[in-house]
C-alpha cells in the first residue's frame, strides 16, 4: 500500500483501483479482523506506566488482540478438523516483541511471509484504511465496504484508545513508572532470563 500510494496516479484513478481491489477482497473474505493502537495515546500511557515492558509494544498489542479475535471466531465457526494458520509480513519493526508476547501467552507464533506475497495484500489494504480511520476520524468508502458485514453485529472494534490502554494497565496490574526503583527489572514468566526493556519512547 505504501508503494501504491506513492505512485503518480490521479486521485480518481487511485480511488478506482482501490475500490476494485476492495470489492474483490470483500467477495473472497469470510470475515474482517481489525486491531490498531492509537500511538499518541500509547506514548502518554507508556510514559506513566511500564506498558511497553509488561504488556508489549503497540505492534505486539495489536497482533495479540487479533489472535484473541481469531480464537473467538474459531470457537464459534470452526468445525471438527478445520485448521487455521496466522501470517504476518516479515521485516516489521518489533516483530521480536510479538514473538515474546505470543510465547508468554502460549500461542503459536505467526508465520512470517514476504511483503510482496500477493495473498497478504488484502490485509495490507484493510490495515491502511483502518490506519486512516484512526488518524482522521472518518470512515472511507473502502473501509465501509470491507467491514460492513462485521459492523452489522458490532462497531469497528479492536482499536486501543487511551481509555482502553489505561483499563488494560489496571486489569493486568501494570507497574507505574514512579514505583520502579533504580536497577529494577521486568521479565515475562515464560522467559525469566530475558529482561524486558522499553522499546518505544
N, C-alpha and C. Protein backbone atom coordinates (compact mmCIF):
# COMPACT_ATOMS: atom_id res chain seq x y z
N UNK A 1 0.82 -1.21 0.00
CA UNK A 1 0.00 0.00 0.00
C UNK A 1 0.85 1.26 0.00
N UNK A 2 1.95 1.24 0.74
CA UNK A 2 2.82 2.41 0.77
C UNK A 2 3.37 2.70 -0.62
N UNK A 3 3.83 1.65 -1.30
CA UNK A 3 4.35 1.82 -2.66
C UNK A 3 3.26 2.30 -3.60
N UNK A 4 2.08 1.70 -3.47
CA UNK A 4 0.97 2.07 -4.35
C UNK A 4 0.59 3.53 -4.16
N UNK A 5 0.51 3.98 -2.92
CA UNK A 5 0.09 5.36 -2.65
C UNK A 5 1.12 6.38 -3.14
N UNK A 6 2.37 5.93 -3.35
CA UNK A 6 3.42 6.83 -3.85
C UNK A 6 3.46 6.89 -5.37
N UNK A 7 2.70 6.00 -6.02
CA UNK A 7 2.65 6.03 -7.49
C UNK A 7 1.96 7.32 -7.96
N UNK A 8 2.33 7.79 -9.13
CA UNK A 8 1.79 9.05 -9.65
C UNK A 8 0.46 8.86 -10.37
N UNK A 9 -0.55 8.45 -9.60
CA UNK A 9 -1.90 8.34 -10.13
C UNK A 9 -2.68 9.61 -9.79
N UNK A 10 -3.70 9.88 -10.57
CA UNK A 10 -4.64 10.92 -10.16
C UNK A 10 -5.46 10.36 -9.00
N UNK A 11 -6.08 11.24 -8.24
CA UNK A 11 -6.92 10.79 -7.12
C UNK A 11 -8.05 9.89 -7.61
N UNK A 12 -8.61 10.25 -8.76
CA UNK A 12 -9.70 9.46 -9.32
C UNK A 12 -9.22 8.06 -9.69
N UNK A 13 -8.07 7.96 -10.36
CA UNK A 13 -7.53 6.67 -10.77
C UNK A 13 -7.19 5.82 -9.55
N UNK A 14 -6.57 6.43 -8.54
CA UNK A 14 -6.22 5.70 -7.33
C UNK A 14 -7.47 5.17 -6.64
N UNK A 15 -8.50 5.99 -6.55
CA UNK A 15 -9.75 5.58 -5.92
C UNK A 15 -10.41 4.44 -6.69
N UNK A 16 -10.34 4.51 -8.02
CA UNK A 16 -10.94 3.45 -8.84
C UNK A 16 -10.23 2.11 -8.61
N UNK A 17 -8.90 2.14 -8.57
CA UNK A 17 -8.13 0.91 -8.35
C UNK A 17 -8.42 0.34 -6.96
N UNK A 18 -8.38 1.20 -5.95
CA UNK A 18 -8.63 0.74 -4.58
C UNK A 18 -10.05 0.19 -4.41
N UNK A 19 -11.00 0.85 -5.06
CA UNK A 19 -12.39 0.38 -4.97
C UNK A 19 -12.54 -1.01 -5.58
N UNK A 20 -11.89 -1.22 -6.72
CA UNK A 20 -11.95 -2.53 -7.37
C UNK A 20 -11.28 -3.59 -6.50
N UNK A 21 -10.12 -3.27 -5.94
CA UNK A 21 -9.42 -4.21 -5.07
C UNK A 21 -10.23 -4.52 -3.81
N UNK A 22 -10.84 -3.49 -3.24
CA UNK A 22 -11.66 -3.70 -2.04
C UNK A 22 -12.86 -4.60 -2.34
N UNK A 23 -13.45 -4.42 -3.52
CA UNK A 23 -14.60 -5.24 -3.90
C UNK A 23 -14.19 -6.70 -4.11
N UNK A 24 -13.04 -6.92 -4.72
CA UNK A 24 -12.51 -8.28 -4.89
C UNK A 24 -12.25 -8.91 -3.53
N UNK A 25 -11.62 -8.13 -2.64
CA UNK A 25 -11.32 -8.62 -1.29
C UNK A 25 -12.60 -8.99 -0.56
N UNK A 26 -13.60 -8.15 -0.65
CA UNK A 26 -14.87 -8.39 0.02
C UNK A 26 -15.51 -9.70 -0.45
N UNK A 27 -15.46 -9.95 -1.76
CA UNK A 27 -16.08 -11.16 -2.32
C UNK A 27 -15.39 -12.44 -1.84
N UNK A 28 -14.10 -12.35 -1.53
CA UNK A 28 -13.33 -13.56 -1.21
C UNK A 28 -12.90 -13.62 0.26
N UNK A 29 -13.49 -12.79 1.08
CA UNK A 29 -13.13 -12.76 2.50
C UNK A 29 -14.31 -13.25 3.34
N UNK A 30 -14.02 -14.15 4.27
CA UNK A 30 -15.07 -14.66 5.15
C UNK A 30 -15.41 -13.65 6.23
N UNK A 31 -14.37 -13.03 6.84
CA UNK A 31 -14.60 -12.11 7.95
C UNK A 31 -13.41 -11.17 8.10
N UNK A 32 -13.64 -9.88 8.31
CA UNK A 32 -12.52 -8.95 8.52
C UNK A 32 -12.20 -8.81 10.01
N UNK A 33 -10.93 -8.77 10.32
CA UNK A 33 -10.49 -8.56 11.71
C UNK A 33 -9.63 -7.31 11.73
N UNK A 34 -9.94 -6.39 12.65
CA UNK A 34 -9.23 -5.12 12.71
C UNK A 34 -8.70 -4.91 14.12
N UNK A 35 -7.45 -4.50 14.21
CA UNK A 35 -6.87 -4.14 15.50
C UNK A 35 -5.83 -3.05 15.26
N UNK A 36 -5.82 -2.05 16.13
CA UNK A 36 -4.88 -0.94 15.98
C UNK A 36 -4.67 -0.30 17.35
N UNK A 37 -3.61 0.47 17.45
CA UNK A 37 -3.29 1.18 18.70
C UNK A 37 -3.10 2.66 18.37
N UNK A 38 -3.79 3.51 19.09
CA UNK A 38 -3.60 4.96 18.97
C UNK A 38 -2.22 5.28 19.55
N UNK A 39 -1.26 5.59 18.67
CA UNK A 39 0.13 5.74 19.10
C UNK A 39 0.35 6.88 20.08
N UNK A 40 -0.31 8.01 19.86
CA UNK A 40 -0.13 9.14 20.78
C UNK A 40 -0.66 8.78 22.17
N UNK A 41 -1.79 8.08 22.20
CA UNK A 41 -2.34 7.64 23.49
C UNK A 41 -1.41 6.63 24.14
N UNK A 42 -0.87 5.73 23.33
CA UNK A 42 0.03 4.70 23.86
C UNK A 42 1.27 5.35 24.49
N UNK A 43 1.81 6.37 23.83
CA UNK A 43 3.00 7.04 24.36
C UNK A 43 2.69 7.74 25.69
N UNK A 44 1.50 8.34 25.77
CA UNK A 44 1.13 9.02 27.03
C UNK A 44 1.00 8.00 28.17
N UNK A 45 0.33 6.90 27.90
CA UNK A 45 0.15 5.88 28.95
C UNK A 45 1.47 5.21 29.27
N UNK A 46 2.30 4.98 28.25
CA UNK A 46 3.59 4.33 28.47
C UNK A 46 4.55 5.23 29.26
N UNK A 47 4.38 6.52 29.18
CA UNK A 47 5.21 7.44 29.97
C UNK A 47 4.86 7.33 31.45
N UNK A 48 3.64 6.91 31.74
CA UNK A 48 3.16 6.81 33.12
C UNK A 48 3.27 5.40 33.68
N UNK A 49 3.04 4.41 32.82
CA UNK A 49 3.07 3.01 33.24
C UNK A 49 4.11 2.23 32.42
N UNK A 50 4.55 1.09 32.95
CA UNK A 50 5.50 0.24 32.22
C UNK A 50 4.74 -0.65 31.23
N UNK A 51 3.95 0.00 30.40
CA UNK A 51 3.11 -0.69 29.42
C UNK A 51 3.97 -1.48 28.42
N UNK A 52 5.02 -0.85 27.92
CA UNK A 52 5.91 -1.46 26.95
C UNK A 52 6.52 -2.75 27.51
N UNK A 53 7.06 -2.67 28.72
CA UNK A 53 7.78 -3.79 29.30
C UNK A 53 6.84 -4.90 29.78
N UNK A 54 5.68 -4.53 30.31
CA UNK A 54 4.78 -5.52 30.91
C UNK A 54 3.80 -6.13 29.91
N UNK A 55 3.32 -5.35 28.96
CA UNK A 55 2.31 -5.82 28.01
C UNK A 55 2.89 -6.03 26.62
N UNK A 56 3.63 -5.04 26.13
CA UNK A 56 4.24 -5.18 24.81
C UNK A 56 4.20 -3.90 24.02
N UNK A 57 4.97 -3.86 22.95
CA UNK A 57 4.98 -2.73 22.03
C UNK A 57 3.64 -2.67 21.29
N UNK A 58 3.29 -1.53 20.70
CA UNK A 58 2.00 -1.40 20.01
C UNK A 58 1.72 -2.50 18.99
N UNK A 59 2.74 -2.87 18.21
CA UNK A 59 2.57 -3.92 17.21
C UNK A 59 2.18 -5.25 17.86
N UNK A 60 2.83 -5.56 18.98
CA UNK A 60 2.53 -6.80 19.68
C UNK A 60 1.13 -6.77 20.30
N UNK A 61 0.73 -5.61 20.82
CA UNK A 61 -0.61 -5.47 21.40
C UNK A 61 -1.68 -5.68 20.33
N UNK A 62 -1.49 -5.05 19.17
CA UNK A 62 -2.47 -5.18 18.09
C UNK A 62 -2.54 -6.63 17.60
N UNK A 63 -1.37 -7.26 17.42
CA UNK A 63 -1.34 -8.64 16.94
C UNK A 63 -1.96 -9.59 17.97
N UNK A 64 -1.68 -9.34 19.24
CA UNK A 64 -2.25 -10.19 20.30
C UNK A 64 -3.77 -10.07 20.31
N UNK A 65 -4.28 -8.88 20.06
CA UNK A 65 -5.73 -8.68 20.03
C UNK A 65 -6.36 -9.37 18.82
N UNK A 66 -5.65 -9.35 17.68
CA UNK A 66 -6.12 -10.08 16.51
C UNK A 66 -6.20 -11.57 16.83
N UNK A 67 -5.18 -12.09 17.51
CA UNK A 67 -5.18 -13.51 17.88
C UNK A 67 -6.38 -13.84 18.77
N UNK A 68 -6.72 -12.91 19.67
CA UNK A 68 -7.90 -13.10 20.54
C UNK A 68 -9.18 -13.14 19.70
N UNK A 69 -9.31 -12.20 18.76
CA UNK A 69 -10.49 -12.17 17.90
C UNK A 69 -10.60 -13.45 17.07
N UNK A 70 -9.47 -13.89 16.54
CA UNK A 70 -9.47 -15.11 15.73
C UNK A 70 -9.86 -16.33 16.55
N UNK A 71 -9.37 -16.39 17.79
CA UNK A 71 -9.70 -17.51 18.66
C UNK A 71 -11.20 -17.55 18.94
N UNK A 72 -11.79 -16.39 19.22
CA UNK A 72 -13.23 -16.34 19.48
C UNK A 72 -14.03 -16.74 18.25
N UNK A 73 -13.58 -16.28 17.08
CA UNK A 73 -14.24 -16.62 15.82
C UNK A 73 -14.11 -18.11 15.53
N UNK A 74 -12.93 -18.66 15.81
CA UNK A 74 -12.68 -20.08 15.59
C UNK A 74 -13.60 -20.94 16.45
N UNK A 75 -13.78 -20.58 17.71
CA UNK A 75 -14.66 -21.33 18.60
C UNK A 75 -16.10 -21.32 18.10
N UNK A 76 -16.48 -20.20 17.52
CA UNK A 76 -17.87 -20.04 17.07
C UNK A 76 -18.13 -20.68 15.71
N UNK A 77 -17.14 -20.68 14.83
CA UNK A 77 -17.40 -21.02 13.42
C UNK A 77 -16.72 -22.28 12.91
N UNK A 78 -15.65 -22.74 13.56
CA UNK A 78 -14.91 -23.87 13.01
C UNK A 78 -15.61 -25.19 13.28
N UNK A 79 -15.46 -26.11 12.33
CA UNK A 79 -15.93 -27.48 12.50
C UNK A 79 -14.75 -28.37 12.88
N UNK A 80 -15.04 -29.56 13.33
CA UNK A 80 -14.00 -30.51 13.70
C UNK A 80 -13.09 -30.76 12.51
N UNK A 81 -11.80 -30.62 12.70
CA UNK A 81 -10.85 -30.85 11.62
C UNK A 81 -10.43 -29.59 10.89
N UNK A 82 -11.16 -28.47 11.07
CA UNK A 82 -10.75 -27.20 10.46
C UNK A 82 -9.45 -26.72 11.09
N UNK A 83 -8.61 -26.09 10.30
CA UNK A 83 -7.34 -25.58 10.81
C UNK A 83 -7.15 -24.13 10.38
N UNK A 84 -6.28 -23.44 11.10
CA UNK A 84 -6.03 -22.03 10.79
C UNK A 84 -4.55 -21.74 10.96
N UNK A 85 -3.99 -20.97 10.03
CA UNK A 85 -2.62 -20.50 10.13
C UNK A 85 -2.63 -18.98 10.18
N UNK A 86 -1.75 -18.43 10.99
CA UNK A 86 -1.66 -16.98 11.14
C UNK A 86 -0.36 -16.50 10.50
N UNK A 87 -0.46 -15.48 9.63
CA UNK A 87 0.70 -14.96 8.92
C UNK A 87 0.90 -13.48 9.23
N UNK A 88 2.15 -13.05 9.24
CA UNK A 88 2.48 -11.62 9.34
C UNK A 88 3.56 -11.32 8.31
N UNK A 89 3.61 -10.06 7.88
CA UNK A 89 4.65 -9.65 6.95
C UNK A 89 6.01 -9.64 7.64
N UNK A 90 7.01 -10.13 6.94
CA UNK A 90 8.36 -10.11 7.52
C UNK A 90 8.95 -8.71 7.42
N UNK A 91 9.93 -8.45 8.26
CA UNK A 91 10.59 -7.15 8.22
C UNK A 91 9.87 -6.07 9.01
N UNK A 92 8.81 -6.45 9.73
CA UNK A 92 8.06 -5.46 10.50
C UNK A 92 8.79 -5.15 11.81
N UNK A 93 8.89 -3.87 12.12
CA UNK A 93 9.57 -3.46 13.36
C UNK A 93 8.84 -4.04 14.57
N UNK A 94 9.61 -4.48 15.54
CA UNK A 94 9.10 -5.04 16.80
C UNK A 94 8.48 -6.42 16.63
N UNK A 95 8.83 -7.12 15.53
CA UNK A 95 8.34 -8.49 15.38
C UNK A 95 8.87 -9.36 16.53
N UNK A 96 10.11 -9.11 16.96
CA UNK A 96 10.67 -9.89 18.07
C UNK A 96 9.84 -9.76 19.33
N UNK A 97 9.29 -8.57 19.57
CA UNK A 97 8.43 -8.38 20.74
C UNK A 97 7.13 -9.16 20.57
N UNK A 98 6.62 -9.20 19.35
CA UNK A 98 5.43 -10.01 19.08
C UNK A 98 5.70 -11.47 19.44
N UNK A 99 6.85 -11.99 19.03
CA UNK A 99 7.20 -13.38 19.35
C UNK A 99 7.22 -13.61 20.86
N UNK A 100 7.80 -12.68 21.60
CA UNK A 100 7.88 -12.82 23.05
C UNK A 100 6.49 -12.81 23.69
N UNK A 101 5.61 -11.92 23.21
CA UNK A 101 4.26 -11.82 23.76
C UNK A 101 3.47 -13.10 23.47
N UNK A 102 3.59 -13.63 22.25
CA UNK A 102 2.88 -14.87 21.91
C UNK A 102 3.43 -16.04 22.71
N UNK A 103 4.74 -16.05 22.92
CA UNK A 103 5.34 -17.11 23.73
C UNK A 103 4.87 -16.99 25.18
N UNK A 104 4.78 -15.76 25.68
CA UNK A 104 4.29 -15.53 27.05
C UNK A 104 2.91 -16.11 27.24
N UNK A 105 2.05 -15.97 26.24
CA UNK A 105 0.67 -16.41 26.35
C UNK A 105 0.43 -17.80 25.76
N UNK A 106 1.52 -18.52 25.49
CA UNK A 106 1.46 -19.90 24.98
C UNK A 106 0.64 -20.00 23.69
N UNK A 107 0.87 -19.06 22.78
CA UNK A 107 0.18 -19.04 21.49
C UNK A 107 1.15 -19.41 20.37
N UNK A 108 0.64 -20.04 19.30
CA UNK A 108 1.51 -20.32 18.15
C UNK A 108 2.03 -19.01 17.56
N UNK A 109 3.32 -18.95 17.33
CA UNK A 109 3.91 -17.73 16.79
C UNK A 109 3.57 -17.63 15.30
N UNK A 110 3.08 -16.49 14.84
CA UNK A 110 2.69 -16.35 13.43
C UNK A 110 3.84 -16.61 12.48
N UNK A 111 3.50 -17.16 11.32
CA UNK A 111 4.49 -17.42 10.28
C UNK A 111 4.80 -16.12 9.54
N UNK A 112 6.08 -15.88 9.27
CA UNK A 112 6.47 -14.68 8.52
C UNK A 112 6.50 -14.98 7.03
N UNK A 113 5.94 -14.06 6.26
CA UNK A 113 5.93 -14.21 4.80
C UNK A 113 6.42 -12.89 4.18
N UNK A 114 6.94 -12.95 2.94
CA UNK A 114 7.44 -11.72 2.30
C UNK A 114 6.34 -10.68 2.10
N UNK A 115 6.71 -9.41 2.18
CA UNK A 115 5.75 -8.33 1.96
C UNK A 115 5.16 -8.37 0.56
N UNK A 116 5.93 -8.94 -0.38
CA UNK A 116 5.48 -8.98 -1.77
C UNK A 116 4.49 -10.11 -2.05
N UNK A 117 4.23 -10.97 -1.09
CA UNK A 117 3.34 -12.10 -1.31
C UNK A 117 1.92 -11.58 -1.58
N UNK A 118 1.34 -11.90 -2.74
CA UNK A 118 0.02 -11.35 -3.11
C UNK A 118 -1.08 -11.65 -2.09
N UNK A 119 -0.98 -12.81 -1.43
CA UNK A 119 -2.06 -13.21 -0.52
C UNK A 119 -2.17 -12.31 0.71
N UNK A 120 -1.12 -11.55 1.05
CA UNK A 120 -1.21 -10.68 2.22
C UNK A 120 -1.64 -9.26 1.86
N UNK A 121 -1.72 -8.96 0.57
CA UNK A 121 -2.05 -7.60 0.15
C UNK A 121 -3.46 -7.14 0.57
N UNK A 122 -4.48 -8.02 0.53
CA UNK A 122 -5.80 -7.56 1.01
C UNK A 122 -5.77 -7.08 2.47
N UNK A 123 -4.99 -7.77 3.30
CA UNK A 123 -4.87 -7.33 4.69
C UNK A 123 -4.15 -6.00 4.78
N UNK A 124 -3.21 -5.78 3.87
CA UNK A 124 -2.48 -4.51 3.83
C UNK A 124 -3.42 -3.36 3.50
N UNK A 125 -4.34 -3.60 2.58
CA UNK A 125 -5.34 -2.58 2.24
C UNK A 125 -6.23 -2.28 3.45
N UNK A 126 -6.70 -3.34 4.11
CA UNK A 126 -7.55 -3.16 5.28
C UNK A 126 -6.80 -2.39 6.37
N UNK A 127 -5.53 -2.75 6.58
CA UNK A 127 -4.73 -2.07 7.61
C UNK A 127 -4.54 -0.59 7.26
N UNK A 128 -4.30 -0.30 5.99
CA UNK A 128 -4.12 1.10 5.56
C UNK A 128 -5.39 1.90 5.82
N UNK A 129 -6.53 1.33 5.45
CA UNK A 129 -7.81 2.03 5.63
C UNK A 129 -8.13 2.21 7.11
N UNK A 130 -7.83 1.20 7.94
CA UNK A 130 -8.06 1.31 9.38
C UNK A 130 -7.16 2.39 9.99
N UNK A 131 -5.90 2.45 9.51
CA UNK A 131 -4.98 3.48 9.99
C UNK A 131 -5.51 4.87 9.66
N UNK A 132 -6.01 5.05 8.43
CA UNK A 132 -6.56 6.34 8.03
C UNK A 132 -7.78 6.70 8.88
N UNK A 133 -8.58 5.71 9.19
CA UNK A 133 -9.75 5.93 10.05
C UNK A 133 -9.31 6.41 11.43
N UNK A 134 -8.28 5.78 11.96
CA UNK A 134 -7.77 6.15 13.28
C UNK A 134 -7.15 7.55 13.25
N UNK A 135 -6.46 7.87 12.17
CA UNK A 135 -5.76 9.16 12.08
C UNK A 135 -6.70 10.32 11.83
N UNK A 136 -7.70 10.12 10.94
CA UNK A 136 -8.54 11.24 10.51
C UNK A 136 -9.94 11.21 11.10
N UNK A 137 -10.32 10.09 11.72
CA UNK A 137 -11.62 10.02 12.39
C UNK A 137 -12.81 9.89 11.47
N UNK A 138 -12.59 9.49 10.24
CA UNK A 138 -13.73 9.29 9.33
C UNK A 138 -13.52 8.00 8.54
N UNK A 139 -14.61 7.34 8.24
CA UNK A 139 -14.54 6.06 7.57
C UNK A 139 -14.60 6.25 6.06
N UNK A 140 -13.62 5.68 5.37
CA UNK A 140 -13.61 5.76 3.91
C UNK A 140 -14.64 4.78 3.34
N UNK A 141 -14.98 4.98 2.09
CA UNK A 141 -15.94 4.07 1.45
C UNK A 141 -15.37 2.66 1.35
N UNK A 142 -14.05 2.55 1.21
CA UNK A 142 -13.45 1.21 1.12
C UNK A 142 -13.45 0.50 2.47
N UNK A 143 -13.16 1.23 3.54
CA UNK A 143 -13.22 0.61 4.86
C UNK A 143 -14.66 0.21 5.17
N UNK A 144 -15.61 1.06 4.79
CA UNK A 144 -17.02 0.74 4.97
C UNK A 144 -17.38 -0.54 4.20
N UNK A 145 -16.90 -0.63 2.96
CA UNK A 145 -17.18 -1.80 2.12
C UNK A 145 -16.57 -3.06 2.73
N UNK A 146 -15.34 -2.97 3.22
CA UNK A 146 -14.63 -4.13 3.73
C UNK A 146 -15.16 -4.63 5.08
N UNK A 147 -15.77 -3.73 5.86
CA UNK A 147 -16.16 -4.11 7.23
C UNK A 147 -17.66 -4.04 7.48
N UNK A 148 -18.46 -3.78 6.45
CA UNK A 148 -19.90 -3.57 6.67
C UNK A 148 -20.56 -4.77 7.34
N UNK A 149 -20.26 -5.97 6.87
CA UNK A 149 -20.86 -7.17 7.45
C UNK A 149 -20.48 -7.32 8.92
N UNK A 150 -19.22 -7.01 9.21
CA UNK A 150 -18.70 -7.09 10.58
C UNK A 150 -19.43 -6.11 11.49
N UNK A 151 -19.66 -4.89 10.96
CA UNK A 151 -20.25 -3.84 11.79
C UNK A 151 -21.76 -3.99 11.96
N UNK A 152 -22.40 -4.92 11.23
CA UNK A 152 -23.82 -5.19 11.48
C UNK A 152 -24.02 -5.83 12.84
N UNK A 153 -22.95 -6.50 13.32
CA UNK A 153 -23.05 -7.16 14.61
C UNK A 153 -22.43 -6.33 15.73
N UNK A 154 -21.39 -5.57 15.41
CA UNK A 154 -20.79 -4.70 16.42
C UNK A 154 -20.01 -3.59 15.73
N UNK A 155 -19.64 -2.59 16.50
CA UNK A 155 -18.90 -1.47 15.94
C UNK A 155 -17.52 -1.93 15.47
N UNK A 156 -16.86 -1.08 14.69
CA UNK A 156 -15.50 -1.38 14.26
C UNK A 156 -14.62 -1.41 15.50
N UNK A 157 -14.35 -2.59 16.00
CA UNK A 157 -13.65 -2.73 17.28
C UNK A 157 -12.17 -2.98 17.10
N UNK A 158 -11.53 -3.33 18.19
CA UNK A 158 -10.13 -3.70 18.12
C UNK A 158 -9.17 -2.53 18.15
N UNK A 159 -9.68 -1.31 18.32
CA UNK A 159 -8.80 -0.15 18.37
C UNK A 159 -8.59 0.27 19.82
N UNK A 160 -7.34 0.34 20.23
CA UNK A 160 -7.00 0.71 21.60
C UNK A 160 -6.80 2.22 21.69
N UNK A 161 -7.75 2.88 22.34
CA UNK A 161 -7.62 4.30 22.64
C UNK A 161 -7.07 4.43 24.06
N UNK A 162 -6.88 5.67 24.53
CA UNK A 162 -6.26 5.86 25.84
C UNK A 162 -7.03 5.17 26.95
N UNK A 163 -8.37 5.30 26.93
CA UNK A 163 -9.15 4.66 27.99
C UNK A 163 -8.97 3.15 28.00
N UNK A 164 -8.81 2.55 26.81
CA UNK A 164 -8.62 1.10 26.70
C UNK A 164 -7.25 0.69 27.25
N UNK A 165 -6.25 1.48 26.95
CA UNK A 165 -4.90 1.18 27.43
C UNK A 165 -4.80 1.32 28.94
N UNK A 166 -5.47 2.35 29.48
CA UNK A 166 -5.46 2.52 30.93
C UNK A 166 -6.23 1.39 31.62
N UNK A 167 -7.31 0.97 31.00
CA UNK A 167 -8.08 -0.16 31.54
C UNK A 167 -7.25 -1.44 31.49
N UNK A 168 -6.50 -1.62 30.42
CA UNK A 168 -5.62 -2.78 30.29
C UNK A 168 -4.56 -2.77 31.39
N UNK A 169 -3.97 -1.60 31.65
CA UNK A 169 -2.97 -1.48 32.72
C UNK A 169 -3.57 -1.83 34.08
N UNK A 170 -4.79 -1.36 34.32
CA UNK A 170 -5.45 -1.62 35.61
C UNK A 170 -5.78 -3.11 35.77
N UNK A 171 -6.27 -3.72 34.70
CA UNK A 171 -6.67 -5.13 34.77
C UNK A 171 -5.49 -6.07 34.96
N UNK A 172 -4.35 -5.69 34.43
CA UNK A 172 -3.19 -6.59 34.45
C UNK A 172 -2.10 -6.12 35.42
N UNK A 173 -2.45 -5.17 36.29
CA UNK A 173 -1.52 -4.69 37.32
C UNK A 173 -0.17 -4.23 36.75
N UNK A 174 -0.24 -3.43 35.69
CA UNK A 174 0.99 -2.88 35.11
C UNK A 174 1.59 -1.88 36.10
N UNK A 175 2.88 -1.97 36.29
CA UNK A 175 3.56 -1.17 37.32
C UNK A 175 3.72 0.28 36.86
N UNK A 176 3.29 1.25 37.68
CA UNK A 176 3.57 2.66 37.35
C UNK A 176 5.07 2.91 37.36
N UNK A 177 5.53 3.77 36.48
CA UNK A 177 6.97 4.03 36.39
C UNK A 177 7.51 4.67 37.67
N UNK A 178 6.68 5.46 38.34
CA UNK A 178 7.18 6.12 39.55
C UNK A 178 7.36 5.16 40.72
N UNK A 179 6.95 3.90 40.55
CA UNK A 179 7.15 2.90 41.59
C UNK A 179 8.37 2.02 41.35
N UNK A 180 9.03 2.23 40.21
CA UNK A 180 10.24 1.47 39.91
C UNK A 180 11.42 2.07 40.65
N UNK A 181 12.26 1.20 41.19
CA UNK A 181 13.50 1.64 41.81
C UNK A 181 14.64 1.46 40.83
N UNK A 182 15.73 2.23 40.97
CA UNK A 182 16.88 2.06 40.08
C UNK A 182 17.35 0.61 40.10
N UNK A 183 17.54 0.04 38.92
CA UNK A 183 18.02 -1.34 38.84
C UNK A 183 16.91 -2.38 38.78
N UNK A 184 15.65 -1.97 39.00
CA UNK A 184 14.54 -2.93 38.90
C UNK A 184 14.43 -3.44 37.46
N UNK A 185 14.07 -4.72 37.33
CA UNK A 185 13.89 -5.31 36.00
C UNK A 185 12.53 -5.97 35.91
N UNK A 186 12.07 -6.12 34.69
CA UNK A 186 10.78 -6.77 34.42
C UNK A 186 11.02 -7.90 33.45
N UNK A 187 10.42 -9.07 33.74
CA UNK A 187 10.56 -10.23 32.88
C UNK A 187 9.20 -10.90 32.70
N UNK A 188 9.01 -11.57 31.54
CA UNK A 188 7.83 -12.41 31.36
C UNK A 188 8.08 -13.73 32.07
N UNK A 189 6.99 -14.36 32.56
CA UNK A 189 7.15 -15.65 33.24
C UNK A 189 7.70 -16.72 32.30
N UNK A 190 7.46 -16.56 30.98
CA UNK A 190 7.91 -17.57 30.02
C UNK A 190 9.40 -17.44 29.69
N UNK A 191 9.99 -16.26 29.98
CA UNK A 191 11.39 -16.03 29.66
C UNK A 191 12.06 -15.30 30.81
N UNK A 192 12.31 -16.04 31.85
CA UNK A 192 12.87 -15.45 33.07
C UNK A 192 14.23 -14.79 32.84
N UNK A 193 14.99 -15.30 31.88
CA UNK A 193 16.34 -14.78 31.68
C UNK A 193 16.35 -13.50 30.84
N UNK A 194 15.25 -13.23 30.15
CA UNK A 194 15.21 -12.07 29.25
C UNK A 194 14.62 -10.86 29.97
N UNK A 195 15.40 -9.82 30.10
CA UNK A 195 14.91 -8.59 30.73
C UNK A 195 14.05 -7.83 29.72
N UNK A 196 12.89 -7.39 30.17
CA UNK A 196 12.00 -6.61 29.32
C UNK A 196 12.44 -5.15 29.33
N UNK A 197 12.66 -4.60 28.16
CA UNK A 197 13.14 -3.23 28.06
C UNK A 197 12.11 -2.36 27.35
N UNK A 198 12.22 -1.08 27.59
CA UNK A 198 11.34 -0.13 26.92
C UNK A 198 11.80 0.05 25.48
N UNK A 199 10.94 -0.27 24.51
CA UNK A 199 11.32 -0.21 23.11
C UNK A 199 10.95 1.12 22.45
N UNK A 200 9.86 1.72 22.92
CA UNK A 200 9.35 2.95 22.29
C UNK A 200 9.34 4.06 23.33
N UNK A 201 9.85 5.22 22.99
CA UNK A 201 9.87 6.36 23.92
C UNK A 201 8.78 7.36 23.54
